[in-house]
Amino acid sequence: MSSPTATSPANAQKRYDVHRSDLPLSCPLPSMALWNSHPRVYLPIETEGGASQCPYCGALFVLVD
């Protein structure tokens, strides 16, 4: 089910900067449309040293704060 505020395309970039306010982190992000993407997966970015890669699409998420 997609979010009513999903405005950006899913998996359009290979790197995303995220903030602590975005946690818990999932790919695709809540702001992304899910209809053309993979299943939502939660990524343990804090326990992975501030960077986490999605096992489905390969997008890299980097915690910037």
C-alpha atoms as a PDB file:
ATOM      1  CA  MET A   1       0.000   0.000   0.000  1.00  0.00           C
ATOM      2  CA  SER A   2       1.485   3.326  -0.971  1.00  0.00           C
ATOM      3  CA  SER A   3       1.540   6.422   1.154  1.00  0.00           C
ATOM      4  CA  PRO A   4      -0.886   9.206   0.247  1.00  0.00           C
ATOM      5  CA  THR A   5       2.124  11.550   0.088  1.00  0.00           C
ATOM      6  CA  ALA A   6       4.160   9.345  -2.266  1.00  0.00           C
ATOM      7  CA  THR A   7       5.353  11.895  -4.766  1.00  0.00           C
ATOM      8  CA  SER A   8       8.759  10.779  -5.967  1.00  0.00           C
ATOM      9  CA  PRO A   9       9.604   7.797  -8.163  1.00  0.00           C
ATOM     10  CA  ALA A  10      11.000   4.758  -6.413  1.00  0.00           C
ATOM     11  CA  ASN A  11      14.618   3.752  -6.912  1.00  0.00           C
ATOM     12  CA  ALA A  12      15.396   6.713  -9.172  1.00  0.00           C
ATOM     13  CA  GLN A  13      18.821   7.291  -7.637  1.00  0.00           C
ATOM     14  CA  LYS A  14      21.659   5.038  -6.546  1.00  0.00           C
ATOM     15  CA  ARG A  15      22.529   7.085  -3.434  1.00  0.00           C
ATOM     16  CA  TYR A  16      20.244   8.758  -0.919  1.00  0.00           C
ATOM     17  CA  ASP A  17      21.291  10.960   2.006  1.00  0.00           C
ATOM     18  CA  VAL A  18      18.994  10.367   4.966  1.00  0.00           C
ATOM     19  CA  HIS A  19      18.606  11.956   8.394  1.00  0.00           C
ATOM     20  CA  ARG A  20      17.816  10.556  11.823  1.00  0.00           C
ATOM     21  CA  SER A  21      14.322  11.982  11.414  1.00  0.00           C
ATOM     22  CA  ASP A  22      13.876   9.478   8.530  1.00  0.00           C
ATOM     23  CA  LEU A  23      14.435   6.481  10.822  1.00  0.00           C
ATOM     24  CA  PRO A  24      13.401   3.722  10.848  1.00  0.00           C
ATOM     25  CA  LEU A  25      14.817   3.547   7.343  1.00  0.00           C
ATOM     26  CA  SER A  26      13.067   1.591   4.641  1.00  0.00           C
ATOM     27  CA  CYS A  27      13.584   1.159   0.930  1.00  0.00           C
ATOM     28  CA  PRO A  28      11.649   2.415  -0.866  1.00  0.00           C
ATOM     29  CA  LEU A  29      11.304   5.516   1.313  1.00  0.00           C
ATOM     30  CA  PRO A  30       7.764   6.444   2.436  1.00  0.00           C
ATOM     31  CA  SER A  31       7.799   9.374   0.002  1.00  0.00           C
ATOM     32  CA  MET A  32       8.309   7.024  -2.955  1.00  0.00           C
ATOM     33  CA  ALA A  33       5.583   5.353  -4.961  1.00  0.00           C
ATOM     34  CA  LEU A  34       5.507   1.599  -4.348  1.00  0.00           C
ATOM     35  CA  TRP A  35       3.530   0.448  -7.366  1.00  0.00           C
ATOM     36  CA  ASN A  36       6.619   0.110  -9.570  1.00  0.00           C
ATOM     37  CA  SER A  37       9.149  -0.910  -6.951  1.00  0.00           C
ATOM     38  CA  HIS A  38      10.220  -3.887  -4.878  1.00  0.00           C
ATOM     39  CA  PRO A  39       8.716  -4.919  -1.525  1.00  0.00           C
ATOM     40  CA  ARG A  40       9.516  -2.546   1.338  1.00  0.00           C
ATOM     41  CA  VAL A  41      12.548  -3.640   3.324  1.00  0.00           C
ATOM     42  CA  TYR A  42      13.816  -2.033   6.529  1.00  0.00           C
ATOM     43  CA  LEU A  43      17.534  -1.274   6.628  1.00  0.00           C
ATOM     44  CA  PRO A  44      19.624  -1.271   9.856  1.00  0.00           C
ATOM     45  CA  ILE A  45      21.615   1.830   8.942  1.00  0.00           C
ATOM     46  CA  GLU A  46      22.603   2.710  12.530  1.00  0.00           C
ATOM     47  CA  THR A  47      24.089  -0.715  13.260  1.00  0.00           C
ATOM     48  CA  GLU A  48      25.851  -0.755   9.889  1.00  0.00           C
ATOM     49  CA  GLY A  49      27.963   2.320  10.663  1.00  0.00           C
ATOM     50  CA  GLY A  50      25.811   4.963   8.986  1.00  0.00           C
ATOM     51  CA  ALA A  51      25.536   3.440   5.510  1.00  0.00           C
ATOM     52  CA  SER A  52      23.238   0.698   4.298  1.00  0.00           C
ATOM     53  CA  GLN A  53      22.593  -0.828   0.890  1.00  0.00           C
ATOM     54  CA  CYS A  54      19.231  -2.162  -0.250  1.00  0.00           C
ATOM     55  CA  PRO A  55      19.425  -5.877  -1.093  1.00  0.00           C
ATOM     56  CA  TYR A  56      16.736  -5.499  -3.772  1.00  0.00           C
ATOM     57  CA  CYS A  57      17.722  -2.469  -5.840  1.00  0.00           C
ATOM     58  CA  GLY A  58      21.265  -1.742  -4.638  1.00  0.00           C
ATOM     59  CA  ALA A  59      20.511   1.840  -3.576  1.00  0.00           C
ATOM     60  CA  LEU A  60      22.965   3.151  -0.992  1.00  0.00           C
ATOM     61  CA  PHE A  61      21.565   5.105   1.961  1.00  0.00           C
ATOM     62  CA  VAL A  62      23.963   7.309   3.941  1.00  0.00           C
ATOM     63  CA  LEU A  63      23.110   8.787   7.336  1.00  0.00           C
ATOM     64  CA  VAL A  64      24.213  12.431   7.260  1.00  0.00           C
ATOM     65  CA  ASP A  65      23.392  13.547  10.824  1.00  0.00           C
END
